[in-house]
Amino acid sequence: MEKPYDLEERTFLFAKDCRFYVQKLHKTTSNIEDSKQLVRSSGSVGANYIEANEKLGEKDFSFRLKIARKEAKETKYWLRLLQELNPEHKDTSESLLYEVEELRKILSAIITKTSK
């Protein structure tokens, strides 16, 4: 499936897919707690990217992008943890892990390009 070029839309779709993923998981204590963290961090990637686009200056723009990238790294952590404990959903988690790494790379490229 082709990914949208619009990064706001792409981060939105990613956060939505993370929510669909957690709905599939068994309701164990660890899944519930880790899923809450995943939902928060995956949504923060896009929310901080949107805030970066409403920049109040170059420093704010860079700061928000770095937060979005940090949230992508955190999201990857929660996805990996959930994947290890829920191997029956490995296809979905692999797809989400691939996408969050792509988002992290895109954010890193923007940060590098705009800091020059």
PDB file of N, CA and C in Angstrom:
ATOM      1  N   MET A   1       0.835  -1.187   0.000  1.00  0.00           N
ATOM      2  CA  MET A   1       0.000   0.000   0.000  1.00  0.00           C
ATOM      3  C   MET A   1       0.877   1.248   0.000  1.00  0.00           C
ATOM      4  N   GLU A   2       0.573   2.175  -0.863  1.00  0.00           N
ATOM      5  CA  GLU A   2       1.332   3.422  -0.970  1.00  0.00           C
ATOM      6  C   GLU A   2       1.064   4.315   0.235  1.00  0.00           C
ATOM      7  N   LYS A   3       2.139   4.855   0.808  1.00  0.00           N
ATOM      8  CA  LYS A   3       2.014   5.738   1.966  1.00  0.00           C
ATOM      9  C   LYS A   3       1.742   7.153   1.487  1.00  0.00           C
ATOM     10  N   PRO A   4       0.913   7.902   2.236  1.00  0.00           N
ATOM     11  CA  PRO A   4       0.647   9.290   1.829  1.00  0.00           C
ATOM     12  C   PRO A   4       1.913  10.139   1.917  1.00  0.00           C
ATOM     13  N   TYR A   5       2.034  11.081   0.992  1.00  0.00           N
ATOM     14  CA  TYR A   5       3.184  11.987   0.988  1.00  0.00           C
ATOM     15  C   TYR A   5       3.064  12.992   2.132  1.00  0.00           C
ATOM     16  N   ASP A   6       1.843  13.378   2.461  1.00  0.00           N
ATOM     17  CA  ASP A   6       1.569  14.336   3.524  1.00  0.00           C
ATOM     18  C   ASP A   6       1.918  13.690   4.869  1.00  0.00           C
ATOM     19  N   LEU A   7       2.930  14.230   5.533  1.00  0.00           N
ATOM     20  CA  LEU A   7       3.402  13.614   6.769  1.00  0.00           C
ATOM     21  C   LEU A   7       2.382  13.740   7.900  1.00  0.00           C
ATOM     22  N   GLU A   8       1.591  14.788   7.903  1.00  0.00           N
ATOM     23  CA  GLU A   8       0.530  14.906   8.914  1.00  0.00           C
ATOM     24  C   GLU A   8      -0.450  13.746   8.770  1.00  0.00           C
ATOM     25  N   GLU A   9      -0.831  13.449   7.544  1.00  0.00           N
ATOM     26  CA  GLU A   9      -1.765  12.346   7.291  1.00  0.00           C
ATOM     27  C   GLU A   9      -1.105  11.004   7.603  1.00  0.00           C
ATOM     28  N   ARG A  10       0.145  10.870   7.230  1.00  0.00           N
ATOM     29  CA  ARG A  10       0.846   9.604   7.463  1.00  0.00           C
ATOM     30  C   ARG A  10       0.989   9.310   8.954  1.00  0.00           C
ATOM     31  N   THR A  11       1.304  10.336   9.752  1.00  0.00           N
ATOM     32  CA  THR A  11       1.420  10.121  11.199  1.00  0.00           C
ATOM     33  C   THR A  11       0.051   9.839  11.817  1.00  0.00           C
ATOM     34  N   PHE A  12      -0.994  10.455  11.270  1.00  0.00           N
ATOM     35  CA  PHE A  12      -2.356  10.180  11.738  1.00  0.00           C
ATOM     36  C   PHE A  12      -2.727   8.716  11.478  1.00  0.00           C
ATOM     37  N   LEU A  13      -2.470   8.259  10.268  1.00  0.00           N
ATOM     38  CA  LEU A  13      -2.787   6.871   9.915  1.00  0.00           C
ATOM     39  C   LEU A  13      -1.988   5.886  10.762  1.00  0.00           C
ATOM     40  N   PHE A  14      -0.744   6.230  11.050  1.00  0.00           N
ATOM     41  CA  PHE A  14       0.084   5.375  11.900  1.00  0.00           C
ATOM     42  C   PHE A  14      -0.516   5.259  13.302  1.00  0.00           C
ATOM     43  N   ALA A  15      -0.892   6.390  13.883  1.00  0.00           N
ATOM     44  CA  ALA A  15      -1.486   6.375  15.227  1.00  0.00           C
ATOM     45  C   ALA A  15      -2.787   5.566  15.223  1.00  0.00           C
ATOM     46  N   LYS A  16      -3.562   5.719  14.159  1.00  0.00           N
ATOM     47  CA  LYS A  16      -4.816   4.963  14.035  1.00  0.00           C
ATOM     48  C   LYS A  16      -4.529   3.465  13.953  1.00  0.00           C
ATOM     49  N   ASP A  17      -3.528   3.074  13.168  1.00  0.00           N
ATOM     50  CA  ASP A  17      -3.165   1.661  13.040  1.00  0.00           C
ATOM     51  C   ASP A  17      -2.675   1.085  14.376  1.00  0.00           C
ATOM     52  N   CYS A  18      -1.974   1.891  15.153  1.00  0.00           N
ATOM     53  CA  CYS A  18      -1.539   1.434  16.481  1.00  0.00           C
ATOM     54  C   CYS A  18      -2.747   1.156  17.368  1.00  0.00           C
ATOM     55  N   ARG A  19      -3.776   1.980  17.249  1.00  0.00           N
ATOM     56  CA  ARG A  19      -4.986   1.778  18.036  1.00  0.00           C
ATOM     57  C   ARG A  19      -5.726   0.505  17.618  1.00  0.00           C
ATOM     58  N   PHE A  20      -5.756   0.244  16.309  1.00  0.00           N
ATOM     59  CA  PHE A  20      -6.370  -1.007  15.838  1.00  0.00           C
ATOM     60  C   PHE A  20      -5.581  -2.213  16.345  1.00  0.00           C
ATOM     61  N   TYR A  21      -4.254  -2.083  16.368  1.00  0.00           N
ATOM     62  CA  TYR A  21      -3.399  -3.161  16.853  1.00  0.00           C
ATOM     63  C   TYR A  21      -3.718  -3.484  18.318  1.00  0.00           C
ATOM     64  N   VAL A  22      -3.777  -2.465  19.174  1.00  0.00           N
ATOM     65  CA  VAL A  22      -4.003  -2.747  20.599  1.00  0.00           C
ATOM     66  C   VAL A  22      -5.390  -3.332  20.845  1.00  0.00           C
ATOM     67  N   GLN A  23      -6.339  -3.046  19.979  1.00  0.00           N
ATOM     68  CA  GLN A  23      -7.680  -3.633  20.123  1.00  0.00           C
ATOM     69  C   GLN A  23      -7.659  -5.151  19.930  1.00  0.00           C
ATOM     70  N   LYS A  24      -6.686  -5.640  19.175  1.00  0.00           N
ATOM     71  CA  LYS A  24      -6.580  -7.081  18.902  1.00  0.00           C
ATOM     72  C   LYS A  24      -5.937  -7.861  20.049  1.00  0.00           C
ATOM     73  N   LEU A  25      -5.208  -7.177  20.911  1.00  0.00           N
ATOM     74  CA  LEU A  25      -4.416  -7.856  21.933  1.00  0.00           C
ATOM     75  C   LEU A  25      -5.277  -8.356  23.082  1.00  0.00           C
ATOM     76  N   HIS A  26      -4.803  -9.453  23.700  1.00  0.00           N
ATOM     77  CA  HIS A  26      -5.473  -9.980  24.889  1.00  0.00           C
ATOM     78  C   HIS A  26      -5.386  -8.944  26.004  1.00  0.00           C
ATOM     79  N   LYS A  27      -6.400  -8.905  26.835  1.00  0.00           N
ATOM     80  CA  LYS A  27      -6.488  -7.892  27.891  1.00  0.00           C
ATOM     81  C   LYS A  27      -5.761  -8.348  29.159  1.00  0.00           C
ATOM     82  N   THR A  28      -4.465  -8.579  29.030  1.00  0.00           N
ATOM     83  CA  THR A  28      -3.652  -8.902  30.207  1.00  0.00           C
ATOM     84  C   THR A  28      -3.213  -7.583  30.839  1.00  0.00           C
ATOM     85  N   THR A  29      -2.763  -7.639  32.062  1.00  0.00           N
ATOM     86  CA  THR A  29      -2.317  -6.426  32.755  1.00  0.00           C
ATOM     87  C   THR A  29      -1.184  -5.743  31.992  1.00  0.00           C
ATOM     88  N   SER A  30      -0.201  -6.516  31.564  1.00  0.00           N
ATOM     89  CA  SER A  30       0.930  -5.915  30.862  1.00  0.00           C
ATOM     90  C   SER A  30       0.510  -5.363  29.496  1.00  0.00           C
ATOM     91  N   ASN A  31      -0.326  -6.082  28.775  1.00  0.00           N
ATOM     92  CA  ASN A  31      -0.790  -5.567  27.474  1.00  0.00           C
ATOM     93  C   ASN A  31      -1.564  -4.263  27.639  1.00  0.00           C
ATOM     94  N   ILE A  32      -2.410  -4.201  28.650  1.00  0.00           N
ATOM     95  CA  ILE A  32      -3.191  -2.977  28.871  1.00  0.00           C
ATOM     96  C   ILE A  32      -2.265  -1.806  29.171  1.00  0.00           C
ATOM     97  N   GLU A  33      -1.333  -2.002  30.085  1.00  0.00           N
ATOM     98  CA  GLU A  33      -0.432  -0.903  30.464  1.00  0.00           C
ATOM     99  C   GLU A  33       0.496  -0.508  29.308  1.00  0.00           C
ATOM    100  N   ASP A  34       1.075  -1.486  28.627  1.00  0.00           N
ATOM    101  CA  ASP A  34       1.968  -1.184  27.505  1.00  0.00           C
ATOM    102  C   ASP A  34       1.192  -0.563  26.344  1.00  0.00           C
ATOM    103  N   SER A  35      -0.036  -1.010  26.153  1.00  0.00           N
ATOM    104  CA  SER A  35      -0.871  -0.449  25.089  1.00  0.00           C
ATOM    105  C   SER A  35      -1.196   1.010  25.351  1.00  0.00           C
ATOM    106  N   LYS A  36      -1.442   1.357  26.606  1.00  0.00           N
ATOM    107  CA  LYS A  36      -1.694   2.768  26.950  1.00  0.00           C
ATOM    108  C   LYS A  36      -0.496   3.629  26.562  1.00  0.00           C
ATOM    109  N   GLN A  37       0.687   3.126  26.851  1.00  0.00           N
ATOM    110  CA  GLN A  37       1.907   3.866  26.510  1.00  0.00           C
ATOM    111  C   GLN A  37       2.051   3.989  24.990  1.00  0.00           C
ATOM    112  N   LEU A  38       1.754   2.904  24.285  1.00  0.00           N
ATOM    113  CA  LEU A  38       1.837   2.915  22.825  1.00  0.00           C
ATOM    114  C   LEU A  38       0.851   3.914  22.233  1.00  0.00           C
ATOM    115  N   VAL A  39      -0.371   3.916  22.739  1.00  0.00           N
ATOM    116  CA  VAL A  39      -1.384   4.846  22.238  1.00  0.00           C
ATOM    117  C   VAL A  39      -0.925   6.287  22.447  1.00  0.00           C
ATOM    118  N   ARG A  40      -0.394   6.576  23.625  1.00  0.00           N
ATOM    119  CA  ARG A  40       0.063   7.947  23.916  1.00  0.00           C
ATOM    120  C   ARG A  40       1.217   8.360  22.997  1.00  0.00           C
ATOM    121  N   SER A  41       2.238   7.527  22.946  1.00  0.00           N
ATOM    122  CA  SER A  41       3.430   7.926  22.181  1.00  0.00           C
ATOM    123  C   SER A  41       3.170   7.965  20.679  1.00  0.00           C
ATOM    124  N   SER A  42       2.376   7.027  20.168  1.00  0.00           N
ATOM    125  CA  SER A  42       2.110   7.027  18.720  1.00  0.00           C
ATOM    126  C   SER A  42       1.305   8.255  18.308  1.00  0.00           C
ATOM    127  N   GLY A  43       0.393   8.684  19.164  1.00  0.00           N
ATOM    128  CA  GLY A  43      -0.363   9.898  18.877  1.00  0.00           C
ATOM    129  C   GLY A  43       0.494  11.145  18.994  1.00  0.00           C
ATOM    130  N   SER A  44       1.473  11.110  19.883  1.00  0.00           N
ATOM    131  CA  SER A  44       2.348  12.266  20.089  1.00  0.00           C
ATOM    132  C   SER A  44       3.274  12.525  18.905  1.00  0.00           C
ATOM    133  N   VAL A  45       3.594  11.494  18.150  1.00  0.00           N
ATOM    134  CA  VAL A  45       4.439  11.694  16.967  1.00  0.00           C
ATOM    135  C   VAL A  45       3.761  12.708  16.047  1.00  0.00           C
ATOM    136  N   GLY A  46       2.527  12.429  15.672  1.00  0.00           N
ATOM    137  CA  GLY A  46       1.797  13.313  14.767  1.00  0.00           C
ATOM    138  C   GLY A  46       1.431  14.640  15.393  1.00  0.00           C
ATOM    139  N   ALA A  47       1.028  14.612  16.660  1.00  0.00           N
ATOM    140  CA  ALA A  47       0.636  15.856  17.330  1.00  0.00           C
ATOM    141  C   ALA A  47       1.810  16.832  17.384  1.00  0.00           C
ATOM    142  N   ASN A  48       2.991  16.334  17.693  1.00  0.00           N
ATOM    143  CA  ASN A  48       4.162  17.215  17.747  1.00  0.00           C
ATOM    144  C   ASN A  48       4.607  17.659  16.357  1.00  0.00           C
ATOM    145  N   TYR A  49       4.422  16.811  15.362  1.00  0.00           N
ATOM    146  CA  TYR A  49       4.737  17.229  13.995  1.00  0.00           C
ATOM    147  C   TYR A  49       3.807  18.365  13.569  1.00  0.00           C
ATOM    148  N   ILE A  50       2.529  18.246  13.890  1.00  0.00           N
ATOM    149  CA  ILE A  50       1.575  19.308  13.562  1.00  0.00           C
ATOM    150  C   ILE A  50       1.952  20.600  14.288  1.00  0.00           C
ATOM    151  N   GLU A  51       2.318  20.486  15.557  1.00  0.00           N
ATOM    152  CA  GLU A  51       2.743  21.676  16.302  1.00  0.00           C
ATOM    153  C   GLU A  51       4.002  22.289  15.690  1.00  0.00           C
ATOM    154  N   ALA A  52       4.895  21.466  15.208  1.00  0.00           N
ATOM    155  CA  ALA A  52       6.111  21.986  14.562  1.00  0.00           C
ATOM    156  C   ALA A  52       5.744  22.829  13.347  1.00  0.00           C
ATOM    157  N   ASN A  53       4.724  22.403  12.614  1.00  0.00           N
ATOM    158  CA  ASN A  53       4.304  23.145  11.425  1.00  0.00           C
ATOM    159  C   ASN A  53       3.634  24.469  11.759  1.00  0.00           C
ATOM    160  N   GLU A  54       3.209  24.625  12.992  1.00  0.00           N
ATOM    161  CA  GLU A  54       2.648  25.899  13.455  1.00  0.00           C
ATOM    162  C   GLU A  54       3.734  26.668  14.197  1.00  0.00           C
ATOM    163  N   LYS A  55       4.915  26.569  13.686  1.00  0.00           N
ATOM    164  CA  LYS A  55       6.109  27.060  14.376  1.00  0.00           C
ATOM    165  C   LYS A  55       6.002  28.526  14.778  1.00  0.00           C
ATOM    166  N   LEU A  56       6.620  28.789  15.904  1.00  0.00           N
ATOM    167  CA  LEU A  56       6.715  30.151  16.415  1.00  0.00           C
ATOM    168  C   LEU A  56       8.124  30.685  16.181  1.00  0.00           C
ATOM    169  N   GLY A  57       8.858  30.020  15.326  1.00  0.00           N
ATOM    170  CA  GLY A  57      10.243  30.381  15.040  1.00  0.00           C
ATOM    171  C   GLY A  57      11.026  29.118  14.747  1.00  0.00           C
ATOM    172  N   GLU A  58      12.241  29.297  14.255  1.00  0.00           N
ATOM    173  CA  GLU A  58      13.067  28.146  13.877  1.00  0.00           C
ATOM    174  C   GLU A  58      13.418  27.252  15.063  1.00  0.00           C
ATOM    175  N   LYS A  59      13.678  27.855  16.234  1.00  0.00           N
ATOM    176  CA  LYS A  59      14.018  27.047  17.412  1.00  0.00           C
ATOM    177  C   LYS A  59      12.836  26.187  17.834  1.00  0.00           C
ATOM    178  N   ASP A  60      11.642  26.773  17.809  1.00  0.00           N
ATOM    179  CA  ASP A  60      10.441  26.016  18.181  1.00  0.00           C
ATOM    180  C   ASP A  60      10.195  24.886  17.185  1.00  0.00           C
ATOM    181  N   PHE A  61      10.372  25.178  15.902  1.00  0.00           N
ATOM    182  CA  PHE A  61      10.192  24.177  14.852  1.00  0.00           C
ATOM    183  C   PHE A  61      11.103  22.979  15.098  1.00  0.00           C
ATOM    184  N   SER A  62      12.393  23.254  15.315  1.00  0.00           N
ATOM    185  CA  SER A  62      13.375  22.202  15.554  1.00  0.00           C
ATOM    186  C   SER A  62      13.058  21.432  16.837  1.00  0.00           C
ATOM    187  N   PHE A  63      12.681  22.149  17.886  1.00  0.00           N
ATOM    188  CA  PHE A  63      12.361  21.536  19.170  1.00  0.00           C
ATOM    189  C   PHE A  63      11.188  20.563  19.029  1.00  0.00           C
ATOM    190  N   ARG A  64      10.129  20.976  18.339  1.00  0.00           N
ATOM    191  CA  ARG A  64       8.943  20.125  18.163  1.00  0.00           C
ATOM    192  C   ARG A  64       9.264  18.893  17.314  1.00  0.00           C
ATOM    193  N   LEU A  65      10.073  19.084  16.286  1.00  0.00           N
ATOM    194  CA  LEU A  65      10.472  17.948  15.454  1.00  0.00           C
ATOM    195  C   LEU A  65      11.274  16.932  16.272  1.00  0.00           C
ATOM    196  N   LYS A  66      12.132  17.436  17.132  1.00  0.00           N
ATOM    197  CA  LYS A  66      12.928  16.537  17.971  1.00  0.00           C
ATOM    198  C   LYS A  66      12.048  15.778  18.957  1.00  0.00           C
ATOM    199  N   ILE A  67      11.018  16.435  19.468  1.00  0.00           N
ATOM    200  CA  ILE A  67      10.075  15.741  20.359  1.00  0.00           C
ATOM    201  C   ILE A  67       9.335  14.662  19.570  1.00  0.00           C
ATOM    202  N   ALA A  68       8.892  14.992  18.356  1.00  0.00           N
ATOM    203  CA  ALA A  68       8.192  14.006  17.521  1.00  0.00           C
ATOM    204  C   ALA A  68       9.093  12.794  17.274  1.00  0.00           C
ATOM    205  N   ARG A  69      10.365  13.045  16.992  1.00  0.00           N
ATOM    206  CA  ARG A  69      11.313  11.944  16.767  1.00  0.00           C
ATOM    207  C   ARG A  69      11.516  11.127  18.044  1.00  0.00           C
ATOM    208  N   LYS A  70      11.598  11.795  19.183  1.00  0.00           N
ATOM    209  CA  LYS A  70      11.732  11.111  20.468  1.00  0.00           C
ATOM    210  C   LYS A  70      10.514  10.218  20.729  1.00  0.00           C
ATOM    211  N   GLU A  71       9.337  10.727  20.422  1.00  0.00           N
ATOM    212  CA  GLU A  71       8.106   9.945  20.597  1.00  0.00           C
ATOM    213  C   GLU A  71       8.089   8.736  19.652  1.00  0.00           C
ATOM    214  N   ALA A  72       8.642   8.890  18.457  1.00  0.00           N
ATOM    215  CA  ALA A  72       8.738   7.759  17.520  1.00  0.00           C
ATOM    216  C   ALA A  72       9.645   6.677  18.102  1.00  0.00           C
ATOM    217  N   LYS A  73      10.744   7.098  18.709  1.00  0.00           N
ATOM    218  CA  LYS A  73      11.648   6.122  19.337  1.00  0.00           C
ATOM    219  C   LYS A  73      10.964   5.413  20.497  1.00  0.00           C
ATOM    220  N   GLU A  74      10.201   6.159  21.286  1.00  0.00           N
ATOM    221  CA  GLU A  74       9.477   5.550  22.400  1.00  0.00           C
ATOM    222  C   GLU A  74       8.417   4.579  21.881  1.00  0.00           C
ATOM    223  N   THR A  75       7.732   4.974  20.824  1.00  0.00           N
ATOM    224  CA  THR A  75       6.715   4.109  20.223  1.00  0.00           C
ATOM    225  C   THR A  75       7.327   2.792  19.782  1.00  0.00           C
ATOM    226  N   LYS A  76       8.508   2.870  19.202  1.00  0.00           N
ATOM    227  CA  LYS A  76       9.204   1.657  18.770  1.00  0.00           C
ATOM    228  C   LYS A  76       9.463   0.735  19.961  1.00  0.00           C
ATOM    229  N   TYR A  77       9.836   1.304  21.072  1.00  0.00           N
ATOM    230  CA  TYR A  77      10.093   0.520  22.288  1.00  0.00           C
ATOM    231  C   TYR A  77       8.839  -0.246  22.705  1.00  0.00           C
ATOM    232  N   TRP A  78       7.699   0.460  22.793  1.00  0.00           N
ATOM    233  CA  TRP A  78       6.458  -0.194  23.232  1.00  0.00           C
ATOM    234  C   TRP A  78       5.998  -1.237  22.221  1.00  0.00           C
ATOM    235  N   LEU A  79       6.183  -0.957  20.945  1.00  0.00           N
ATOM    236  CA  LEU A  79       5.821  -1.942  19.920  1.00  0.00           C
ATOM    237  C   LEU A  79       6.665  -3.204  20.046  1.00  0.00           C
ATOM    238  N   ARG A  80       7.952  -3.035  20.268  1.00  0.00           N
ATOM    239  CA  ARG A  80       8.833  -4.197  20.418  1.00  0.00           C
ATOM    240  C   ARG A  80       8.432  -5.038  21.623  1.00  0.00           C
ATOM    241  N   LEU A  81       8.120  -4.369  22.723  1.00  0.00           N
ATOM    242  CA  LEU A  81       7.718  -5.076  23.935  1.00  0.00           C
ATOM    243  C   LEU A  81       6.419  -5.845  23.709  1.00  0.00           C
ATOM    244  N   LEU A  82       5.441  -5.180  23.104  1.00  0.00           N
ATOM    245  CA  LEU A  82       4.170  -5.846  22.820  1.00  0.00           C
ATOM    246  C   LEU A  82       4.345  -6.987  21.821  1.00  0.00           C
ATOM    247  N   GLN A  83       5.234  -6.807  20.864  1.00  0.00           N
ATOM    248  CA  GLN A  83       5.490  -7.862  19.876  1.00  0.00           C
ATOM    249  C   GLN A  83       6.046  -9.116  20.552  1.00  0.00           C
ATOM    250  N   GLU A  84       6.976  -8.930  21.461  1.00  0.00           N
ATOM    251  CA  GLU A  84       7.587 -10.072  22.155  1.00  0.00           C
ATOM    252  C   GLU A  84       6.554 -10.856  22.958  1.00  0.00           C
ATOM    253  N   LEU A  85       5.587 -10.160  23.522  1.00  0.00           N
ATOM    254  CA  LEU A  85       4.600 -10.801  24.389  1.00  0.00           C
ATOM    255  C   LEU A  85       3.349 -11.259  23.634  1.00  0.00           C
ATOM    256  N   ASN A  86       3.253 -10.880  22.360  1.00  0.00           N
ATOM    257  CA  ASN A  86       2.072 -11.222  21.554  1.00  0.00           C
ATOM    258  C   ASN A  86       2.505 -11.702  20.168  1.00  0.00           C
ATOM    259  N   PRO A  87       3.253 -12.809  20.115  1.00  0.00           N
ATOM    260  CA  PRO A  87       3.796 -13.267  18.835  1.00  0.00           C
ATOM    261  C   PRO A  87       2.726 -13.632  17.803  1.00  0.00           C
ATOM    262  N   GLU A  88       1.514 -13.883  18.249  1.00  0.00           N
ATOM    263  CA  GLU A  88       0.438 -14.231  17.307  1.00  0.00           C
ATOM    264  C   GLU A  88       0.028 -13.042  16.425  1.00  0.00           C
ATOM    265  N   HIS A  89       0.484 -11.835  16.780  1.00  0.00           N
ATOM    266  CA  HIS A  89       0.176 -10.637  15.975  1.00  0.00           C
ATOM    267  C   HIS A  89       1.446 -10.053  15.351  1.00  0.00           C
ATOM    268  N   LYS A  90       2.402 -10.934  15.091  1.00  0.00           N
ATOM    269  CA  LYS A  90       3.716 -10.488  14.600  1.00  0.00           C
ATOM    270  C   LYS A  90       3.637  -9.735  13.271  1.00  0.00           C
ATOM    271  N   ASP A  91       2.773 -10.154  12.363  1.00  0.00           N
ATOM    272  CA  ASP A  91       2.662  -9.457  11.071  1.00  0.00           C
ATOM    273  C   ASP A  91       2.275  -7.993  11.266  1.00  0.00           C
ATOM    274  N   THR A  92       1.306  -7.764  12.130  1.00  0.00           N
ATOM    275  CA  THR A  92       0.865  -6.389  12.391  1.00  0.00           C
ATOM    276  C   THR A  92       1.957  -5.591  13.078  1.00  0.00           C
ATOM    277  N   SER A  93       2.568  -6.172  14.091  1.00  0.00           N
ATOM    278  CA  SER A  93       3.604  -5.431  14.817  1.00  0.00           C
ATOM    279  C   SER A  93       4.818  -5.164  13.922  1.00  0.00           C
ATOM    280  N   GLU A  94       5.173  -6.112  13.066  1.00  0.00           N
ATOM    281  CA  GLU A  94       6.300  -5.894  12.136  1.00  0.00           C
ATOM    282  C   GLU A  94       6.014  -4.716  11.208  1.00  0.00           C
ATOM    283  N   SER A  95       4.805  -4.648  10.711  1.00  0.00           N
ATOM    284  CA  SER A  95       4.402  -3.560   9.831  1.00  0.00           C
ATOM    285  C   SER A  95       4.468  -2.214  10.558  1.00  0.00           C
ATOM    286  N   LEU A  96       3.997  -2.181  11.792  1.00  0.00           N
ATOM    287  CA  LEU A  96       4.037  -0.949  12.583  1.00  0.00           C
ATOM    288  C   LEU A  96       5.472  -0.560  12.928  1.00  0.00           C
ATOM    289  N   LEU A  97       6.295  -1.542  13.244  1.00  0.00           N
ATOM    290  CA  LEU A  97       7.706  -1.256  13.536  1.00  0.00           C
ATOM    291  C   LEU A  97       8.417  -0.688  12.311  1.00  0.00           C
ATOM    292  N   TYR A  98       8.112  -1.215  11.152  1.00  0.00           N
ATOM    293  CA  TYR A  98       8.697  -0.695   9.919  1.00  0.00           C
ATOM    294  C   TYR A  98       8.267   0.761   9.710  1.00  0.00           C
ATOM    295  N   GLU A  99       6.994   1.027   9.888  1.00  0.00           N
ATOM    296  CA  GLU A  99       6.481   2.382   9.656  1.00  0.00           C
ATOM    297  C   GLU A  99       7.033   3.383  10.658  1.00  0.00           C
ATOM    298  N   VAL A 100       7.134   3.007  11.929  1.00  0.00           N
ATOM    299  CA  VAL A 100       7.658   3.959  12.906  1.00  0.00           C
ATOM    300  C   VAL A 100       9.131   4.257  12.631  1.00  0.00           C
ATOM    301  N   GLU A 101       9.863   3.290  12.128  1.00  0.00           N
ATOM    302  CA  GLU A 101      11.266   3.535  11.777  1.00  0.00           C
ATOM    303  C   GLU A 101      11.355   4.458  10.565  1.00  0.00           C
ATOM    304  N   GLU A 102      10.461   4.280   9.605  1.00  0.00           N
ATOM    305  CA  GLU A 102      10.410   5.195   8.454  1.00  0.00           C
ATOM    306  C   GLU A 102      10.094   6.618   8.911  1.00  0.00           C
ATOM    307  N   LEU A 103       9.130   6.761   9.793  1.00  0.00           N
ATOM    308  CA  LEU A 103       8.772   8.085  10.314  1.00  0.00           C
ATOM    309  C   LEU A 103       9.957   8.714  11.050  1.00  0.00           C
ATOM    310  N   ARG A 104      10.651   7.907  11.845  1.00  0.00           N
ATOM    311  CA  ARG A 104      11.825   8.423  12.569  1.00  0.00           C
ATOM    312  C   ARG A 104      12.889   8.922  11.605  1.00  0.00           C
ATOM    313  N   LYS A 105      13.128   8.163  10.543  1.00  0.00           N
ATOM    314  CA  LYS A 105      14.121   8.565   9.544  1.00  0.00           C
ATOM    315  C   LYS A 105      13.708   9.852   8.826  1.00  0.00           C
ATOM    316  N   ILE A 106      12.438   9.973   8.499  1.00  0.00           N
ATOM    317  CA  ILE A 106      11.944  11.180   7.840  1.00  0.00           C
ATOM    318  C   ILE A 106      12.114  12.382   8.765  1.00  0.00           C
ATOM    319  N   LEU A 107      11.725  12.227  10.022  1.00  0.00           N
ATOM    320  CA  LEU A 107      11.873  13.332  10.979  1.00  0.00           C
ATOM    321  C   LEU A 107      13.341  13.699  11.163  1.00  0.00           C
ATOM    322  N   SER A 108      14.210  12.703  11.240  1.00  0.00           N
ATOM    323  CA  SER A 108      15.641  12.964  11.361  1.00  0.00           C
ATOM    324  C   SER A 108      16.167  13.726  10.147  1.00  0.00           C
ATOM    325  N   ALA A 109      15.709  13.351   8.973  1.00  0.00           N
ATOM    326  CA  ALA A 109      16.153  14.036   7.748  1.00  0.00           C
ATOM    327  C   ALA A 109      15.690  15.502   7.751  1.00  0.00           C
ATOM    328  N   ILE A 110      14.470  15.746   8.191  1.00  0.00           N
ATOM    329  CA  ILE A 110      13.972  17.125   8.247  1.00  0.00           C
ATOM    330  C   ILE A 110      14.784  17.928   9.250  1.00  0.00           C
ATOM    331  N   ILE A 111      15.053  17.327  10.412  1.00  0.00           N
ATOM    332  CA  ILE A 111      15.844  18.018  11.446  1.00  0.00           C
ATOM    333  C   ILE A 111      17.228  18.364  10.912  1.00  0.00           C
ATOM    334  N   THR A 112      17.873  17.402  10.265  1.00  0.00           N
ATOM    335  CA  THR A 112      19.207  17.624   9.702  1.00  0.00           C
ATOM    336  C   THR A 112      19.192  18.707   8.637  1.00  0.00           C
ATOM    337  N   LYS A 113      18.209  18.636   7.749  1.00  0.00           N
ATOM    338  CA  LYS A 113      18.115  19.596   6.641  1.00  0.00           C
ATOM    339  C   LYS A 113      17.838  21.020   7.135  1.00  0.00           C
ATOM    340  N   THR A 114      16.977  21.147   8.127  1.00  0.00           N
ATOM    341  CA  THR A 114      16.605  22.488   8.584  1.00  0.00           C
ATOM    342  C   THR A 114      17.607  23.077   9.571  1.00  0.00           C
ATOM    343  N   SER A 115      18.499  22.268  10.117  1.00  0.00           N
ATOM    344  CA  SER A 115      19.474  22.800  11.066  1.00  0.00           C
ATOM    345  C   SER A 115      20.736  23.330  10.389  1.00  0.00           C
ATOM    346  N   LYS A 116      20.787  23.181   9.069  1.00  0.00           N
ATOM    347  CA  LYS A 116      21.966  23.655   8.331  1.00  0.00           C
ATOM    348  C   LYS A 116      21.831  25.114   7.933  1.00  0.00           C
TER     349      LYS A 116
END
